[in-house]
Amino acid sequence: MDDETCAPAPELTAQLLRQFRLITGVEIGPDDDYFAMGLVTPLRALEIVALLERTFDFEVHTDDLHPDNFRTVHRTAAFVVRKAAAVTCRAPAPDLERFLAEHTHDNAPPPAPHR
């Protein structure tokens, strides 16, 4: 997905702008490339990742650590939207046996799991 198909809410962008301004110590805009501006060191990049994990309750994996995911506030907000959607889509499926037991109206036991 690209940034335009996952347009983040303006509130998310504003929240990230406030937090990134604290991290960088500089007023930045939503499309300012703070890496190119020299504002983000490797340690600050780790701060950003830790902030996202804490704030949005997901784990940033090694595969996610592409600079294009974090280069601007808009790109970071789009990453957060994509990551949150992926976490929601991977929610564990309900236990089939428990589901059948709760939703079966006769006394028959649920079918044995297929192995």
PDB file of N, CA and C in Angstrom:
ATOM      1  N   MET A   1       0.831  -1.173   0.000  1.00  0.00           N
ATOM      2  CA  MET A   1       0.000   0.000   0.000  1.00  0.00           C
ATOM      3  C   MET A   1       0.880   1.242   0.000  1.00  0.00           C
ATOM      4  N   ASP A   2       0.426   2.264  -0.685  1.00  0.00           N
ATOM      5  CA  ASP A   2       1.184   3.503  -0.640  1.00  0.00           C
ATOM      6  C   ASP A   2       0.534   4.460   0.346  1.00  0.00           C
ATOM      7  N   ASP A   3       1.191   5.592   0.557  1.00  0.00           N
ATOM      8  CA  ASP A   3       0.725   6.541   1.562  1.00  0.00           C
ATOM      9  C   ASP A   3      -0.673   7.068   1.270  1.00  0.00           C
ATOM     10  N   GLU A   4      -1.044   7.169  -0.006  1.00  0.00           N
ATOM     11  CA  GLU A   4      -2.336   7.752  -0.339  1.00  0.00           C
ATOM     12  C   GLU A   4      -3.489   6.799  -0.086  1.00  0.00           C
ATOM     13  N   THR A   5      -3.266   5.476  -0.173  1.00  0.00           N
ATOM     14  CA  THR A   5      -4.354   4.546   0.084  1.00  0.00           C
ATOM     15  C   THR A   5      -4.587   4.373   1.576  1.00  0.00           C
ATOM     16  N   CYS A   6      -3.652   4.807   2.405  1.00  0.00           N
ATOM     17  CA  CYS A   6      -3.786   4.716   3.857  1.00  0.00           C
ATOM     18  C   CYS A   6      -3.704   6.107   4.451  1.00  0.00           C
ATOM     19  N   ALA A   7      -4.524   7.013   3.982  1.00  0.00           N
ATOM     20  CA  ALA A   7      -4.458   8.397   4.449  1.00  0.00           C
ATOM     21  C   ALA A   7      -4.741   8.431   5.943  1.00  0.00           C
ATOM     22  N   PRO A   8      -3.759   8.892   6.714  1.00  0.00           N
ATOM     23  CA  PRO A   8      -3.972   8.948   8.152  1.00  0.00           C
ATOM     24  C   PRO A   8      -4.883  10.107   8.534  1.00  0.00           C
ATOM     25  N   ALA A   9      -5.536   9.936   9.648  1.00  0.00           N
ATOM     26  CA  ALA A   9      -6.402  10.997  10.162  1.00  0.00           C
ATOM     27  C   ALA A   9      -5.550  12.207  10.520  1.00  0.00           C
ATOM     28  N   PRO A  10      -6.087  13.404  10.309  1.00  0.00           N
ATOM     29  CA  PRO A  10      -5.332  14.620  10.671  1.00  0.00           C
ATOM     30  C   PRO A  10      -4.900  14.630  12.140  1.00  0.00           C
ATOM     31  N   GLU A  11      -5.709  14.040  13.013  1.00  0.00           N
ATOM     32  CA  GLU A  11      -5.364  14.000  14.435  1.00  0.00           C
ATOM     33  C   GLU A  11      -4.104  13.184  14.669  1.00  0.00           C
ATOM     34  N   LEU A  12      -3.956  12.076  13.924  1.00  0.00           N
ATOM     35  CA  LEU A  12      -2.759  11.243  14.051  1.00  0.00           C
ATOM     36  C   LEU A  12      -1.530  12.011  13.593  1.00  0.00           C
ATOM     37  N   THR A  13      -1.639  12.691  12.463  1.00  0.00           N
ATOM     38  CA  THR A  13      -0.522  13.493  11.957  1.00  0.00           C
ATOM     39  C   THR A  13      -0.149  14.578  12.963  1.00  0.00           C
ATOM     40  N   ALA A  14      -1.134  15.254  13.526  1.00  0.00           N
ATOM     41  CA  ALA A  14      -0.866  16.313  14.510  1.00  0.00           C
ATOM     42  C   ALA A  14      -0.192  15.744  15.755  1.00  0.00           C
ATOM     43  N   GLN A  15      -0.655  14.588  16.212  1.00  0.00           N
ATOM     44  CA  GLN A  15      -0.056  13.943  17.385  1.00  0.00           C
ATOM     45  C   GLN A  15       1.406  13.599  17.120  1.00  0.00           C
ATOM     46  N   LEU A  16       1.673  12.998  15.954  1.00  0.00           N
ATOM     47  CA  LEU A  16       3.045  12.638  15.612  1.00  0.00           C
ATOM     48  C   LEU A  16       3.920  13.871  15.443  1.00  0.00           C
ATOM     49  N   LEU A  17       3.385  14.925  14.854  1.00  0.00           N
ATOM     50  CA  LEU A  17       4.157  16.170  14.720  1.00  0.00           C
ATOM     51  C   LEU A  17       4.604  16.683  16.086  1.00  0.00           C
ATOM     52  N   ARG A  18       3.684  16.693  17.040  1.00  0.00           N
ATOM     53  CA  ARG A  18       4.039  17.157  18.389  1.00  0.00           C
ATOM     54  C   ARG A  18       5.137  16.292  18.992  1.00  0.00           C
ATOM     55  N   GLN A  19       5.002  14.973  18.864  1.00  0.00           N
ATOM     56  CA  GLN A  19       5.979  14.063  19.456  1.00  0.00           C
ATOM     57  C   GLN A  19       7.329  14.146  18.744  1.00  0.00           C
ATOM     58  N   PHE A  20       7.323  14.269  17.418  1.00  0.00           N
ATOM     59  CA  PHE A  20       8.581  14.321  16.680  1.00  0.00           C
ATOM     60  C   PHE A  20       9.294  15.649  16.889  1.00  0.00           C
ATOM     61  N   ARG A  21       8.533  16.698  17.125  1.00  0.00           N
ATOM     62  CA  ARG A  21       9.159  17.989  17.430  1.00  0.00           C
ATOM     63  C   ARG A  21       9.904  17.904  18.762  1.00  0.00           C
ATOM     64  N   LEU A  22       9.359  17.147  19.703  1.00  0.00           N
ATOM     65  CA  LEU A  22      10.051  16.936  20.977  1.00  0.00           C
ATOM     66  C   LEU A  22      11.320  16.112  20.770  1.00  0.00           C
ATOM     67  N   ILE A  23      11.248  15.090  19.932  1.00  0.00           N
ATOM     68  CA  ILE A  23      12.409  14.231  19.682  1.00  0.00           C
ATOM     69  C   ILE A  23      13.508  14.977  18.940  1.00  0.00           C
ATOM     70  N   THR A  24      13.126  15.720  17.896  1.00  0.00           N
ATOM     71  CA  THR A  24      14.134  16.403  17.077  1.00  0.00           C
ATOM     72  C   THR A  24      14.555  17.743  17.662  1.00  0.00           C
ATOM     73  N   GLY A  25      13.699  18.339  18.488  1.00  0.00           N
ATOM     74  CA  GLY A  25      14.000  19.650  19.037  1.00  0.00           C
ATOM     75  C   GLY A  25      13.825  20.780  18.040  1.00  0.00           C
ATOM     76  N   VAL A  26      13.151  20.503  16.924  1.00  0.00           N
ATOM     77  CA  VAL A  26      12.994  21.484  15.840  1.00  0.00           C
ATOM     78  C   VAL A  26      11.549  21.460  15.368  1.00  0.00           C
ATOM     79  N   GLU A  27      11.029  22.632  14.991  1.00  0.00           N
ATOM     80  CA  GLU A  27       9.711  22.691  14.358  1.00  0.00           C
ATOM     81  C   GLU A  27       9.831  22.073  12.972  1.00  0.00           C
ATOM     82  N   ILE A  28       9.089  21.016  12.725  1.00  0.00           N
ATOM     83  CA  ILE A  28       9.105  20.366  11.418  1.00  0.00           C
ATOM     84  C   ILE A  28       7.692  20.314  10.873  1.00  0.00           C
ATOM     85  N   GLY A  29       7.605  20.208   9.562  1.00  0.00           N
ATOM     86  CA  GLY A  29       6.315  20.062   8.905  1.00  0.00           C
ATOM     87  C   GLY A  29       6.042  18.602   8.620  1.00  0.00           C
ATOM     88  N   PRO A  30       4.815  18.273   8.250  1.00  0.00           N
ATOM     89  CA  PRO A  30       4.448  16.873   8.033  1.00  0.00           C
ATOM     90  C   PRO A  30       5.186  16.213   6.874  1.00  0.00           C
ATOM     91  N   ASP A  31       5.713  17.002   5.937  1.00  0.00           N
ATOM     92  CA  ASP A  31       6.433  16.425   4.805  1.00  0.00           C
ATOM     93  C   ASP A  31       7.931  16.723   4.833  1.00  0.00           C
ATOM     94  N   ASP A  32       8.426  17.287   5.931  1.00  0.00           N
ATOM     95  CA  ASP A  32       9.861  17.528   6.054  1.00  0.00           C
ATOM     96  C   ASP A  32      10.588  16.204   6.278  1.00  0.00           C
ATOM     97  N   ASP A  33      11.635  15.971   5.492  1.00  0.00           N
ATOM     98  CA  ASP A  33      12.431  14.757   5.618  1.00  0.00           C
ATOM     99  C   ASP A  33      13.499  15.000   6.688  1.00  0.00           C
ATOM    100  N   TYR A  34      13.183  14.609   7.913  1.00  0.00           N
ATOM    101  CA  TYR A  34      14.088  14.894   9.024  1.00  0.00           C
ATOM    102  C   TYR A  34      15.365  14.072   8.949  1.00  0.00           C
ATOM    103  N   PHE A  35      15.358  12.965   8.206  1.00  0.00           N
ATOM    104  CA  PHE A  35      16.607  12.226   7.978  1.00  0.00           C
ATOM    105  C   PHE A  35      17.532  13.058   7.087  1.00  0.00           C
ATOM    106  N   ALA A  36      16.992  13.569   5.977  1.00  0.00           N
ATOM    107  CA  ALA A  36      17.787  14.384   5.053  1.00  0.00           C
ATOM    108  C   ALA A  36      18.250  15.679   5.715  1.00  0.00           C
ATOM    109  N   MET A  37      17.452  16.171   6.678  1.00  0.00           N
ATOM    110  CA  MET A  37      17.801  17.400   7.383  1.00  0.00           C
ATOM    111  C   MET A  37      18.877  17.160   8.447  1.00  0.00           C
ATOM    112  N   GLY A  38      19.221  15.886   8.675  1.00  0.00           N
ATOM    113  CA  GLY A  38      20.232  15.551   9.672  1.00  0.00           C
ATOM    114  C   GLY A  38      19.735  15.612  11.107  1.00  0.00           C
ATOM    115  N   LEU A  39      18.417  15.583  11.289  1.00  0.00           N
ATOM    116  CA  LEU A  39      17.841  15.697  12.628  1.00  0.00           C
ATOM    117  C   LEU A  39      17.716  14.354  13.342  1.00  0.00           C
ATOM    118  N   VAL A  40      17.813  13.254  12.603  1.00  0.00           N
ATOM    119  CA  VAL A  40      17.595  11.941  13.200  1.00  0.00           C
ATOM    120  C   VAL A  40      18.874  11.119  13.105  1.00  0.00           C
ATOM    121  N   THR A  41      19.451  10.856  14.264  1.00  0.00           N
ATOM    122  CA  THR A  41      20.607   9.974  14.389  1.00  0.00           C
ATOM    123  C   THR A  41      20.087   8.544  14.567  1.00  0.00           C
ATOM    124  N   PRO A  42      20.957   7.542  14.497  1.00  0.00           N
ATOM    125  CA  PRO A  42      20.486   6.176  14.769  1.00  0.00           C
ATOM    126  C   PRO A  42      19.803   6.047  16.134  1.00  0.00           C
ATOM    127  N   LEU A  43      20.308   6.743  17.134  1.00  0.00           N
ATOM    128  CA  LEU A  43      19.678   6.683  18.460  1.00  0.00           C
ATOM    129  C   LEU A  43      18.285   7.317  18.432  1.00  0.00           C
ATOM    130  N   ARG A  44      18.150   8.418  17.743  1.00  0.00           N
ATOM    131  CA  ARG A  44      16.825   9.047  17.629  1.00  0.00           C
ATOM    132  C   ARG A  44      15.868   8.179  16.818  1.00  0.00           C
ATOM    133  N   ALA A  45      16.387   7.484  15.823  1.00  0.00           N
ATOM    134  CA  ALA A  45      15.533   6.571  15.048  1.00  0.00           C
ATOM    135  C   ALA A  45      14.979   5.485  15.967  1.00  0.00           C
ATOM    136  N   LEU A  46      15.807   4.980  16.875  1.00  0.00           N
ATOM    137  CA  LEU A  46      15.327   3.989  17.845  1.00  0.00           C
ATOM    138  C   LEU A  46      14.297   4.604  18.791  1.00  0.00           C
ATOM    139  N   GLU A  47      14.488   5.855  19.146  1.00  0.00           N
ATOM    140  CA  GLU A  47      13.493   6.556  19.970  1.00  0.00           C
ATOM    141  C   GLU A  47      12.148   6.608  19.258  1.00  0.00           C
ATOM    142  N   ILE A  48      12.185   6.893  17.966  1.00  0.00           N
ATOM    143  CA  ILE A  48      10.950   6.967  17.179  1.00  0.00           C
ATOM    144  C   ILE A  48      10.253   5.614  17.159  1.00  0.00           C
ATOM    145  N   VAL A  49      11.019   4.558  16.903  1.00  0.00           N
ATOM    146  CA  VAL A  49      10.443   3.209  16.869  1.00  0.00           C
ATOM    147  C   VAL A  49       9.844   2.859  18.231  1.00  0.00           C
ATOM    148  N   ALA A  50      10.583   3.118  19.305  1.00  0.00           N
ATOM    149  CA  ALA A  50      10.075   2.818  20.650  1.00  0.00           C
ATOM    150  C   ALA A  50       8.820   3.627  20.953  1.00  0.00           C
ATOM    151  N   LEU A  51       8.805   4.882  20.551  1.00  0.00           N
ATOM    152  CA  LEU A  51       7.634   5.731  20.746  1.00  0.00           C
ATOM    153  C   LEU A  51       6.415   5.144  20.039  1.00  0.00           C
ATOM    154  N   LEU A  52       6.592   4.725  18.795  1.00  0.00           N
ATOM    155  CA  LEU A  52       5.477   4.157  18.038  1.00  0.00           C
ATOM    156  C   LEU A  52       4.973   2.874  18.690  1.00  0.00           C
ATOM    157  N   GLU A  53       5.892   2.015  19.107  1.00  0.00           N
ATOM    158  CA  GLU A  53       5.483   0.752  19.744  1.00  0.00           C
ATOM    159  C   GLU A  53       4.712   1.010  21.032  1.00  0.00           C
ATOM    160  N   ARG A  54       5.188   1.943  21.845  1.00  0.00           N
ATOM    161  CA  ARG A  54       4.517   2.275  23.111  1.00  0.00           C
ATOM    162  C   ARG A  54       3.175   2.947  22.885  1.00  0.00           C
ATOM    163  N   THR A  55       3.166   3.909  22.004  1.00  0.00           N
ATOM    164  CA  THR A  55       1.972   4.720  21.798  1.00  0.00           C
ATOM    165  C   THR A  55       0.854   3.935  21.133  1.00  0.00           C
ATOM    166  N   PHE A  56       1.212   3.105  20.142  1.00  0.00           N
ATOM    167  CA  PHE A  56       0.185   2.453  19.334  1.00  0.00           C
ATOM    168  C   PHE A  56       0.075   0.955  19.592  1.00  0.00           C
ATOM    169  N   ASP A  57       0.823   0.465  20.565  1.00  0.00           N
ATOM    170  CA  ASP A  57       0.704  -0.920  21.034  1.00  0.00           C
ATOM    171  C   ASP A  57       0.850  -1.950  19.914  1.00  0.00           C
ATOM    172  N   PHE A  58       1.904  -1.812  19.121  1.00  0.00           N
ATOM    173  CA  PHE A  58       2.272  -2.842  18.161  1.00  0.00           C
ATOM    174  C   PHE A  58       3.774  -2.968  18.146  1.00  0.00           C
ATOM    175  N   GLU A  59       4.257  -4.036  17.530  1.00  0.00           N
ATOM    176  CA  GLU A  59       5.692  -4.275  17.458  1.00  0.00           C
ATOM    177  C   GLU A  59       6.202  -3.933  16.068  1.00  0.00           C
ATOM    178  N   VAL A  60       7.263  -3.155  16.017  1.00  0.00           N
ATOM    179  CA  VAL A  60       7.915  -2.828  14.755  1.00  0.00           C
ATOM    180  C   VAL A  60       8.965  -3.899  14.517  1.00  0.00           C
ATOM    181  N   HIS A  61       8.793  -4.654  13.449  1.00  0.00           N
ATOM    182  CA  HIS A  61       9.703  -5.755  13.121  1.00  0.00           C
ATOM    183  C   HIS A  61      10.842  -5.269  12.237  1.00  0.00           C
ATOM    184  N   THR A  62      11.864  -6.075  12.133  1.00  0.00           N
ATOM    185  CA  THR A  62      13.025  -5.743  11.308  1.00  0.00           C
ATOM    186  C   THR A  62      12.601  -5.408   9.888  1.00  0.00           C
ATOM    187  N   ASP A  63      11.650  -6.136   9.339  1.00  0.00           N
ATOM    188  CA  ASP A  63      11.171  -5.872   7.973  1.00  0.00           C
ATOM    189  C   ASP A  63      10.515  -4.493   7.844  1.00  0.00           C
ATOM    190  N   ASP A  64      10.059  -3.938   8.949  1.00  0.00           N
ATOM    191  CA  ASP A  64       9.401  -2.629   8.940  1.00  0.00           C
ATOM    192  C   ASP A  64      10.394  -1.465   8.950  1.00  0.00           C
ATOM    193  N   LEU A  65      11.658  -1.748   9.229  1.00  0.00           N
ATOM    194  CA  LEU A  65      12.630  -0.687   9.491  1.00  0.00           C
ATOM    195  C   LEU A  65      13.191  -0.030   8.242  1.00  0.00           C
ATOM    196  N   HIS A  66      12.435   0.026   7.194  1.00  0.00           N
ATOM    197  CA  HIS A  66      12.853   0.726   5.983  1.00  0.00           C
ATOM    198  C   HIS A  66      12.719   2.230   6.232  1.00  0.00           C
ATOM    199  N   PRO A  67      13.770   3.014   5.911  1.00  0.00           N
ATOM    200  CA  PRO A  67      13.699   4.457   6.186  1.00  0.00           C
ATOM    201  C   PRO A  67      12.482   5.145   5.576  1.00  0.00           C
ATOM    202  N   ASP A  68      11.979   4.655   4.449  1.00  0.00           N
ATOM    203  CA  ASP A  68      10.823   5.299   3.825  1.00  0.00           C
ATOM    204  C   ASP A  68       9.570   5.222   4.694  1.00  0.00           C
ATOM    205  N   ASN A  69       9.521   4.286   5.635  1.00  0.00           N
ATOM    206  CA  ASN A  69       8.382   4.220   6.557  1.00  0.00           C
ATOM    207  C   ASN A  69       8.406   5.345   7.578  1.00  0.00           C
ATOM    208  N   PHE A  70       9.572   5.966   7.787  1.00  0.00           N
ATOM    209  CA  PHE A  70       9.737   6.904   8.895  1.00  0.00           C
ATOM    210  C   PHE A  70      10.324   8.247   8.486  1.00  0.00           C
ATOM    211  N   ARG A  71      10.556   8.469   7.231  1.00  0.00           N
ATOM    212  CA  ARG A  71      11.304   9.634   6.734  1.00  0.00           C
ATOM    213  C   ARG A  71      10.599  10.973   6.984  1.00  0.00           C
ATOM    214  N   THR A  72       9.279  10.978   6.996  1.00  0.00           N
ATOM    215  CA  THR A  72       8.494  12.184   7.281  1.00  0.00           C
ATOM    216  C   THR A  72       7.364  11.816   8.238  1.00  0.00           C
ATOM    217  N   VAL A  73       6.750  12.811   8.810  1.00  0.00           N
ATOM    218  CA  VAL A  73       5.615  12.552   9.705  1.00  0.00           C
ATOM    219  C   VAL A  73       4.463  11.925   8.923  1.00  0.00           C
ATOM    220  N   HIS A  74       4.198  12.417   7.718  1.00  0.00           N
ATOM    221  CA  HIS A  74       3.122  11.817   6.915  1.00  0.00           C
ATOM    222  C   HIS A  74       3.398  10.350   6.624  1.00  0.00           C
ATOM    223  N   ARG A  75       4.627  10.020   6.260  1.00  0.00           N
ATOM    224  CA  ARG A  75       4.965   8.610   5.977  1.00  0.00           C
ATOM    225  C   ARG A  75       4.866   7.761   7.238  1.00  0.00           C
ATOM    226  N   THR A  76       5.283   8.320   8.358  1.00  0.00           N
ATOM    227  CA  THR A  76       5.194   7.579   9.616  1.00  0.00           C
ATOM    228  C   THR A  76       3.734   7.352   9.997  1.00  0.00           C
ATOM    229  N   ALA A  77       2.897   8.363   9.807  1.00  0.00           N
ATOM    230  CA  ALA A  77       1.470   8.216  10.110  1.00  0.00           C
ATOM    231  C   ALA A  77       0.850   7.144   9.216  1.00  0.00           C
ATOM    232  N   ALA A  78       1.220   7.123   7.937  1.00  0.00           N
ATOM    233  CA  ALA A  78       0.705   6.091   7.024  1.00  0.00           C
ATOM    234  C   ALA A  78       1.179   4.708   7.462  1.00  0.00           C
ATOM    235  N   PHE A  79       2.429   4.616   7.933  1.00  0.00           N
ATOM    236  CA  PHE A  79       2.946   3.348   8.450  1.00  0.00           C
ATOM    237  C   PHE A  79       2.126   2.897   9.657  1.00  0.00           C
ATOM    238  N   VAL A  80       1.836   3.815  10.568  1.00  0.00           N
ATOM    239  CA  VAL A  80       1.048   3.480  11.756  1.00  0.00           C
ATOM    240  C   VAL A  80      -0.326   2.946  11.346  1.00  0.00           C
ATOM    241  N   VAL A  81      -0.955   3.581  10.371  1.00  0.00           N
ATOM    242  CA  VAL A  81      -2.270   3.130   9.906  1.00  0.00           C
ATOM    243  C   VAL A  81      -2.165   1.722   9.323  1.00  0.00           C
ATOM    244  N   ARG A  82      -1.162   1.493   8.473  1.00  0.00           N
ATOM    245  CA  ARG A  82      -0.984   0.160   7.870  1.00  0.00           C
ATOM    246  C   ARG A  82      -0.693  -0.889   8.934  1.00  0.00           C
ATOM    247  N   LYS A  83       0.179  -0.557   9.862  1.00  0.00           N
ATOM    248  CA  LYS A  83       0.569  -1.508  10.907  1.00  0.00           C
ATOM    249  C   LYS A  83      -0.622  -1.827  11.809  1.00  0.00           C
ATOM    250  N   ALA A  84      -1.372  -0.825  12.188  1.00  0.00           N
ATOM    251  CA  ALA A  84      -2.554  -1.052  13.031  1.00  0.00           C
ATOM    252  C   ALA A  84      -3.576  -1.911  12.300  1.00  0.00           C
ATOM    253  N   ALA A  85      -3.744  -1.675  11.004  1.00  0.00           N
ATOM    254  CA  ALA A  85      -4.682  -2.490  10.216  1.00  0.00           C
ATOM    255  C   ALA A  85      -4.198  -3.931  10.142  1.00  0.00           C
ATOM    256  N   ALA A  86      -2.906  -4.132   9.982  1.00  0.00           N
ATOM    257  CA  ALA A  86      -2.356  -5.491   9.896  1.00  0.00           C
ATOM    258  C   ALA A  86      -2.523  -6.221  11.220  1.00  0.00           C
ATOM    259  N   VAL A  87      -2.329  -5.528  12.328  1.00  0.00           N
ATOM    260  CA  VAL A  87      -2.493  -6.143  13.636  1.00  0.00           C
ATOM    261  C   VAL A  87      -3.949  -6.537  13.833  1.00  0.00           C
ATOM    262  N   THR A  88      -4.881  -5.684  13.433  1.00  0.00           N
ATOM    263  CA  THR A  88      -6.305  -5.969  13.557  1.00  0.00           C
ATOM    264  C   THR A  88      -6.694  -7.157  12.692  1.00  0.00           C
ATOM    265  N   CYS A  89      -6.150  -7.235  11.483  1.00  0.00           N
ATOM    266  CA  CYS A  89      -6.491  -8.333  10.575  1.00  0.00           C
ATOM    267  C   CYS A  89      -5.943  -9.664  11.053  1.00  0.00           C
ATOM    268  N   ARG A  90      -4.900  -9.636  11.864  1.00  0.00           N
ATOM    269  CA  ARG A  90      -4.296 -10.879  12.337  1.00  0.00           C
ATOM    270  C   ARG A  90      -4.809 -11.270  13.706  1.00  0.00           C
ATOM    271  N   ALA A  91      -5.905 -10.697  14.130  1.00  0.00           N
ATOM    272  CA  ALA A  91      -6.450 -11.054  15.438  1.00  0.00           C
ATOM    273  C   ALA A  91      -6.719 -12.552  15.466  1.00  0.00           C
ATOM    274  N   PRO A  92      -6.456 -13.197  16.588  1.00  0.00           N
ATOM    275  CA  PRO A  92      -6.636 -14.641  16.641  1.00  0.00           C
ATOM    276  C   PRO A  92      -8.080 -15.053  16.384  1.00  0.00           C
ATOM    277  N   ALA A  93      -8.237 -16.124  15.649  1.00  0.00           N
ATOM    278  CA  ALA A  93      -9.564 -16.669  15.370  1.00  0.00           C
ATOM    279  C   ALA A  93     -10.112 -17.292  16.645  1.00  0.00           C
ATOM    280  N   PRO A  94     -11.423 -17.265  16.829  1.00  0.00           N
ATOM    281  CA  PRO A  94     -11.978 -17.879  18.036  1.00  0.00           C
ATOM    282  C   PRO A  94     -11.731 -19.384  18.022  1.00  0.00           C
ATOM    283  N   ASP A  95     -11.622 -19.946  19.194  1.00  0.00           N
ATOM    284  CA  ASP A  95     -11.454 -21.393  19.342  1.00  0.00           C
ATOM    285  C   ASP A  95     -12.712 -22.073  18.798  1.00  0.00           C
ATOM    286  N   LEU A  96     -12.558 -22.867  17.748  1.00  0.00           N
ATOM    287  CA  LEU A  96     -13.694 -23.467  17.057  1.00  0.00           C
ATOM    288  C   LEU A  96     -14.525 -24.348  17.986  1.00  0.00           C
ATOM    289  N   GLU A  97     -13.875 -25.164  18.802  1.00  0.00           N
ATOM    290  CA  GLU A  97     -14.633 -26.047  19.689  1.00  0.00           C
ATOM    291  C   GLU A  97     -15.464 -25.246  20.685  1.00  0.00           C
ATOM    292  N   ARG A  98     -14.885 -24.215  21.277  1.00  0.00           N
ATOM    293  CA  ARG A  98     -15.626 -23.392  22.225  1.00  0.00           C
ATOM    294  C   ARG A  98     -16.772 -22.676  21.519  1.00  0.00           C
ATOM    295  N   PHE A  99     -16.507 -22.155  20.324  1.00  0.00           N
ATOM    296  CA  PHE A  99     -17.532 -21.473  19.553  1.00  0.00           C
ATOM    297  C   PHE A  99     -18.707 -22.412  19.283  1.00  0.00           C
ATOM    298  N   LEU A 100     -18.393 -23.626  18.819  1.00  0.00           N
ATOM    299  CA  LEU A 100     -19.467 -24.580  18.527  1.00  0.00           C
ATOM    300  C   LEU A 100     -20.228 -24.964  19.788  1.00  0.00           C
ATOM    301  N   ALA A 101     -19.522 -25.143  20.895  1.00  0.00           N
ATOM    302  CA  ALA A 101     -20.184 -25.509  22.147  1.00  0.00           C
ATOM    303  C   ALA A 101     -21.134 -24.403  22.602  1.00  0.00           C
ATOM    304  N   GLU A 102     -20.704 -23.164  22.431  1.00  0.00           N
ATOM    305  CA  GLU A 102     -21.538 -22.043  22.863  1.00  0.00           C
ATOM    306  C   GLU A 102     -22.726 -21.804  21.936  1.00  0.00           C
ATOM    307  N   HIS A 103     -22.610 -22.226  20.687  1.00  0.00           N
ATOM    308  CA  HIS A 103     -23.644 -21.922  19.712  1.00  0.00           C
ATOM    309  C   HIS A 103     -24.413 -23.145  19.228  1.00  0.00           C
ATOM    310  N   THR A 104     -24.194 -24.292  19.852  1.00  0.00           N
ATOM    311  CA  THR A 104     -24.946 -25.498  19.513  1.00  0.00           C
ATOM    312  C   THR A 104     -26.077 -25.623  20.524  1.00  0.00           C
ATOM    313  N   HIS A 105     -27.293 -25.785  20.029  1.00  0.00           N
ATOM    314  CA  HIS A 105     -28.451 -25.773  20.923  1.00  0.00           C
ATOM    315  C   HIS A 105     -28.898 -27.156  21.351  1.00  0.00           C
ATOM    316  N   ASP A 106     -28.270 -28.200  20.854  1.00  0.00           N
ATOM    317  CA  ASP A 106     -28.629 -29.529  21.335  1.00  0.00           C
ATOM    318  C   ASP A 106     -27.495 -30.035  22.221  1.00  0.00           C
ATOM    319  N   ASN A 107     -27.658 -31.194  22.769  1.00  0.00           N
ATOM    320  CA  ASN A 107     -26.671 -31.725  23.694  1.00  0.00           C
ATOM    321  C   ASN A 107     -25.558 -32.487  23.010  1.00  0.00           C
ATOM    322  N   ALA A 108     -25.550 -32.509  21.702  1.00  0.00           N
ATOM    323  CA  ALA A 108     -24.504 -33.229  20.984  1.00  0.00           C
ATOM    324  C   ALA A 108     -23.171 -32.520  21.183  1.00  0.00           C
ATOM    325  N   PRO A 109     -22.109 -33.295  21.421  1.00  0.00           N
ATOM    326  CA  PRO A 109     -20.802 -32.666  21.570  1.00  0.00           C
ATOM    327  C   PRO A 109     -20.338 -32.087  20.235  1.00  0.00           C
ATOM    328  N   PRO A 110     -19.495 -31.086  20.265  1.00  0.00           N
ATOM    329  CA  PRO A 110     -18.985 -30.530  19.014  1.00  0.00           C
ATOM    330  C   PRO A 110     -18.143 -31.573  18.301  1.00  0.00           C
ATOM    331  N   PRO A 111     -18.044 -31.493  16.995  1.00  0.00           N
ATOM    332  CA  PRO A 111     -17.255 -32.484  16.266  1.00  0.00           C
ATOM    333  C   PRO A 111     -15.795 -32.457  16.707  1.00  0.00           C
ATOM    334  N   ALA A 112     -15.176 -33.612  16.602  1.00  0.00           N
ATOM    335  CA  ALA A 112     -13.752 -33.718  16.950  1.00  0.00           C
ATOM    336  C   ALA A 112     -12.939 -32.895  15.966  1.00  0.00           C
ATOM    337  N   PRO A 113     -11.862 -32.288  16.446  1.00  0.00           N
ATOM    338  CA  PRO A 113     -11.038 -31.508  15.536  1.00  0.00           C
ATOM    339  C   PRO A 113     -10.418 -32.390  14.464  1.00  0.00           C
ATOM    340  N   HIS A 114     -10.346 -31.859  13.285  1.00  0.00           N
ATOM    341  CA  HIS A 114      -9.751 -32.585  12.164  1.00  0.00           C
ATOM    342  C   HIS A 114      -8.242 -32.520  12.273  1.00  0.00           C
ATOM    343  N   ARG A 115      -7.597 -33.656  12.225  1.00  0.00           N
ATOM    344  CA  ARG A 115      -6.128 -33.670  12.347  1.00  0.00           C
ATOM    345  C   ARG A 115      -5.498 -34.245  11.137  1.00  0.00           C
TER     346      ARG A 115
END
